[in-house]
Amino acid sequence: MTTVEITLPDQLVQEARRAGLLAPDRIEELLRERLRSDRIERLGDARKRLAADPIEPMTPGEIQAEIDAYRSQSRSAADS
């Protein structure tokens, strides 16, 4: 565990304390919710960018070439 010290305005601390938001488990919950929300937003942004400029689909031959390259690389790494 890591201890974090932050500086906040007194009035905000008083309000947060009254609302029960300064308990460690509540702060953890708030941070996790925010991180999840940010990840979802970034995913949505990526989906919009992809929809605006879609990637060309790979041909079956290109897919097979990628698989073959990966297998070859994996074999080379295992032999080392």
N, C-alpha and C. Protein backbone atom coordinates (compact mmCIF):
# COMPACT_ATOMS: atom_id res chain seq x y z
N MET A 1 0.84 -1.18 0.00
CA MET A 1 0.00 0.00 0.00
C MET A 1 0.88 1.24 0.00
N THR A 2 0.37 2.27 -0.62
CA THR A 2 1.06 3.55 -0.68
C THR A 2 0.24 4.59 0.04
N THR A 3 0.89 5.45 0.76
CA THR A 3 0.22 6.56 1.43
C THR A 3 0.36 7.79 0.56
N VAL A 4 -0.76 8.49 0.35
CA VAL A 4 -0.79 9.68 -0.48
C VAL A 4 -1.25 10.85 0.38
N GLU A 5 -0.53 11.95 0.29
CA GLU A 5 -0.91 13.16 1.01
C GLU A 5 -1.32 14.21 -0.02
N ILE A 6 -2.50 14.80 0.17
CA ILE A 6 -2.96 15.84 -0.75
C ILE A 6 -3.37 17.07 0.03
N THR A 7 -3.33 18.20 -0.63
CA THR A 7 -3.73 19.46 -0.02
C THR A 7 -5.02 19.91 -0.70
N LEU A 8 -6.04 20.16 0.12
CA LEU A 8 -7.34 20.58 -0.40
C LEU A 8 -7.84 21.79 0.37
N PRO A 9 -8.70 22.58 -0.23
CA PRO A 9 -9.30 23.70 0.51
C PRO A 9 -10.08 23.20 1.73
N ASP A 10 -10.01 23.95 2.83
CA ASP A 10 -10.65 23.54 4.08
C ASP A 10 -12.14 23.24 3.90
N GLN A 11 -12.84 24.11 3.18
CA GLN A 11 -14.28 23.91 3.02
C GLN A 11 -14.57 22.61 2.27
N LEU A 12 -13.78 22.32 1.27
CA LEU A 12 -13.98 21.07 0.52
C LEU A 12 -13.76 19.87 1.43
N VAL A 13 -12.74 19.93 2.25
CA VAL A 13 -12.46 18.82 3.19
C VAL A 13 -13.63 18.64 4.15
N GLN A 14 -14.16 19.74 4.68
CA GLN A 14 -15.28 19.64 5.61
C GLN A 14 -16.50 19.00 4.93
N GLU A 15 -16.80 19.44 3.72
CA GLU A 15 -17.95 18.88 3.01
C GLU A 15 -17.72 17.41 2.68
N ALA A 16 -16.52 17.08 2.23
CA ALA A 16 -16.20 15.70 1.88
C ALA A 16 -16.26 14.81 3.11
N ARG A 17 -15.77 15.31 4.22
CA ARG A 17 -15.80 14.54 5.47
C ARG A 17 -17.25 14.27 5.89
N ARG A 18 -18.10 15.32 5.84
CA ARG A 18 -19.52 15.14 6.19
C ARG A 18 -20.21 14.14 5.27
N ALA A 19 -19.79 14.11 4.01
CA ALA A 19 -20.40 13.20 3.04
C ALA A 19 -19.79 11.80 3.11
N GLY A 20 -18.79 11.62 3.96
CA GLY A 20 -18.17 10.30 4.10
C GLY A 20 -17.23 9.96 2.96
N LEU A 21 -16.75 10.96 2.26
CA LEU A 21 -15.91 10.72 1.09
C LEU A 21 -14.42 10.59 1.39
N LEU A 22 -14.02 10.85 2.63
CA LEU A 22 -12.59 10.81 2.94
C LEU A 22 -12.14 9.48 3.55
N ALA A 23 -13.04 8.57 3.72
CA ALA A 23 -12.66 7.24 4.20
C ALA A 23 -11.84 6.55 3.11
N PRO A 24 -10.77 5.85 3.49
CA PRO A 24 -9.91 5.22 2.49
C PRO A 24 -10.66 4.34 1.49
N ASP A 25 -11.61 3.55 1.97
CA ASP A 25 -12.34 2.68 1.04
C ASP A 25 -13.20 3.49 0.07
N ARG A 26 -13.73 4.61 0.53
CA ARG A 26 -14.55 5.46 -0.34
C ARG A 26 -13.68 6.18 -1.37
N ILE A 27 -12.51 6.65 -0.95
CA ILE A 27 -11.59 7.30 -1.89
C ILE A 27 -11.16 6.29 -2.95
N GLU A 28 -10.85 5.06 -2.52
CA GLU A 28 -10.48 4.02 -3.48
C GLU A 28 -11.61 3.77 -4.48
N GLU A 29 -12.82 3.69 -3.97
CA GLU A 29 -13.97 3.47 -4.85
C GLU A 29 -14.12 4.61 -5.86
N LEU A 30 -13.99 5.85 -5.39
CA LEU A 30 -14.11 7.01 -6.27
C LEU A 30 -13.02 7.00 -7.35
N LEU A 31 -11.79 6.68 -6.96
CA LEU A 31 -10.70 6.64 -7.93
C LEU A 31 -10.91 5.54 -8.97
N ARG A 32 -11.33 4.37 -8.50
CA ARG A 32 -11.58 3.27 -9.43
C ARG A 32 -12.71 3.60 -10.41
N GLU A 33 -13.77 4.22 -9.91
CA GLU A 33 -14.88 4.63 -10.77
C GLU A 33 -14.41 5.61 -11.82
N ARG A 34 -13.60 6.58 -11.41
CA ARG A 34 -13.10 7.59 -12.35
C ARG A 34 -12.18 6.98 -13.39
N LEU A 35 -11.29 6.09 -12.96
CA LEU A 35 -10.40 5.43 -13.90
C LEU A 35 -11.18 4.61 -14.92
N ARG A 36 -12.20 3.90 -14.45
CA ARG A 36 -13.05 3.11 -15.35
C ARG A 36 -13.76 4.02 -16.34
N SER A 37 -14.30 5.12 -15.86
CA SER A 37 -14.99 6.07 -16.72
C SER A 37 -14.04 6.64 -17.78
N ASP A 38 -12.82 6.97 -17.37
CA ASP A 38 -11.84 7.50 -18.32
C ASP A 38 -11.48 6.46 -19.38
N ARG A 39 -11.32 5.18 -18.98
CA ARG A 39 -11.02 4.13 -19.95
C ARG A 39 -12.16 3.97 -20.95
N ILE A 40 -13.39 4.01 -20.45
CA ILE A 40 -14.55 3.88 -21.34
C ILE A 40 -14.60 5.05 -22.32
N GLU A 41 -14.31 6.25 -21.83
CA GLU A 41 -14.30 7.42 -22.71
C GLU A 41 -13.22 7.30 -23.78
N ARG A 42 -12.02 6.85 -23.40
CA ARG A 42 -10.94 6.68 -24.38
C ARG A 42 -11.31 5.62 -25.41
N LEU A 43 -11.96 4.55 -24.96
CA LEU A 43 -12.40 3.51 -25.89
C LEU A 43 -13.41 4.07 -26.88
N GLY A 44 -14.35 4.87 -26.38
CA GLY A 44 -15.33 5.50 -27.25
C GLY A 44 -14.68 6.41 -28.27
N ASP A 45 -13.68 7.18 -27.83
CA ASP A 45 -12.95 8.06 -28.74
C ASP A 45 -12.23 7.26 -29.82
N ALA A 46 -11.61 6.15 -29.41
CA ALA A 46 -10.91 5.30 -30.38
C ALA A 46 -11.90 4.71 -31.39
N ARG A 47 -13.07 4.30 -30.91
CA ARG A 47 -14.09 3.76 -31.82
C ARG A 47 -14.54 4.81 -32.82
N LYS A 48 -14.69 6.06 -32.37
CA LYS A 48 -15.08 7.13 -33.29
C LYS A 48 -14.01 7.38 -34.34
N ARG A 49 -12.74 7.40 -33.90
CA ARG A 49 -11.64 7.61 -34.85
C ARG A 49 -11.58 6.48 -35.87
N LEU A 50 -11.78 5.26 -35.41
CA LEU A 50 -11.75 4.11 -36.31
C LEU A 50 -12.92 4.15 -37.29
N ALA A 51 -14.09 4.55 -36.81
CA ALA A 51 -15.25 4.65 -37.69
C ALA A 51 -15.05 5.73 -38.74
N ALA A 52 -14.36 6.81 -38.37
CA ALA A 52 -14.12 7.92 -39.30
C ALA A 52 -13.06 7.56 -40.34
N ASP A 53 -12.12 6.70 -39.98
CA ASP A 53 -11.03 6.32 -40.87
C ASP A 53 -10.76 4.82 -40.70
N PRO A 54 -11.66 3.98 -41.25
CA PRO A 54 -11.54 2.54 -40.99
C PRO A 54 -10.27 1.93 -41.59
N ILE A 55 -9.80 0.90 -40.93
CA ILE A 55 -8.63 0.16 -41.40
C ILE A 55 -9.11 -0.81 -42.48
N GLU A 56 -8.32 -0.92 -43.53
CA GLU A 56 -8.67 -1.87 -44.59
C GLU A 56 -8.65 -3.29 -44.02
N PRO A 57 -9.66 -4.10 -44.34
CA PRO A 57 -9.65 -5.48 -43.84
C PRO A 57 -8.48 -6.26 -44.46
N MET A 58 -7.95 -7.17 -43.69
CA MET A 58 -6.85 -8.00 -44.18
C MET A 58 -7.41 -9.12 -45.04
N THR A 59 -6.64 -9.50 -46.05
CA THR A 59 -7.03 -10.63 -46.88
C THR A 59 -6.67 -11.91 -46.12
N PRO A 60 -7.28 -13.04 -46.51
CA PRO A 60 -6.88 -14.30 -45.87
C PRO A 60 -5.38 -14.57 -46.00
N GLY A 61 -4.79 -14.20 -47.12
CA GLY A 61 -3.35 -14.39 -47.31
C GLY A 61 -2.53 -13.55 -46.34
N GLU A 62 -2.96 -12.30 -46.11
CA GLU A 62 -2.25 -11.43 -45.17
C GLU A 62 -2.37 -11.97 -43.74
N ILE A 63 -3.54 -12.47 -43.41
CA ILE A 63 -3.74 -13.05 -42.07
C ILE A 63 -2.83 -14.25 -41.88
N GLN A 64 -2.78 -15.12 -42.90
CA GLN A 64 -1.92 -16.30 -42.81
C GLN A 64 -0.46 -15.91 -42.71
N ALA A 65 -0.04 -14.88 -43.44
CA ALA A 65 1.35 -14.42 -43.38
C ALA A 65 1.68 -13.93 -41.97
N GLU A 66 0.76 -13.22 -41.32
CA GLU A 66 0.97 -12.76 -39.95
C GLU A 66 1.09 -13.95 -38.99
N ILE A 67 0.22 -14.94 -39.17
CA ILE A 67 0.27 -16.14 -38.32
C ILE A 67 1.60 -16.85 -38.50
N ASP A 68 2.02 -17.03 -39.76
CA ASP A 68 3.29 -17.71 -40.04
C ASP A 68 4.47 -16.96 -39.43
N ALA A 69 4.46 -15.62 -39.55
CA ALA A 69 5.54 -14.81 -38.99
C ALA A 69 5.58 -14.95 -37.47
N TYR A 70 4.41 -14.93 -36.83
CA TYR A 70 4.36 -15.08 -35.37
C TYR A 70 4.89 -16.45 -34.95
N ARG A 71 4.46 -17.48 -35.65
CA ARG A 71 4.91 -18.84 -35.31
C ARG A 71 6.42 -18.97 -35.49
N SER A 72 6.93 -18.41 -36.57
CA SER A 72 8.37 -18.47 -36.82
C SER A 72 9.13 -17.74 -35.72
N GLN A 73 8.64 -16.57 -35.35
CA GLN A 73 9.28 -15.78 -34.29
C GLN A 73 9.23 -16.53 -32.95
N SER A 74 8.08 -17.17 -32.67
CA SER A 74 7.94 -17.92 -31.42
C SER A 74 8.91 -19.10 -31.40
N ARG A 75 9.05 -19.78 -32.52
CA ARG A 75 9.97 -20.92 -32.59
C ARG A 75 11.41 -20.45 -32.40
N SER A 76 11.76 -19.33 -33.00
CA SER A 76 13.13 -18.80 -32.88
C SER A 76 13.42 -18.43 -31.43
N ALA A 77 12.46 -17.85 -30.76
CA ALA A 77 12.64 -17.47 -29.35
C ALA A 77 12.77 -18.70 -28.47
N ALA A 78 12.02 -19.76 -28.79
CA ALA A 78 12.07 -20.99 -27.98
C ALA A 78 13.40 -21.71 -28.18
N ASP A 79 13.98 -21.59 -29.37
CA ASP A 79 15.27 -22.25 -29.65
C ASP A 79 16.44 -21.52 -29.02
N SER A 80 16.25 -20.27 -28.67
CA SER A 80 17.36 -19.46 -28.11
C SER A 80 17.65 -19.80 -26.69
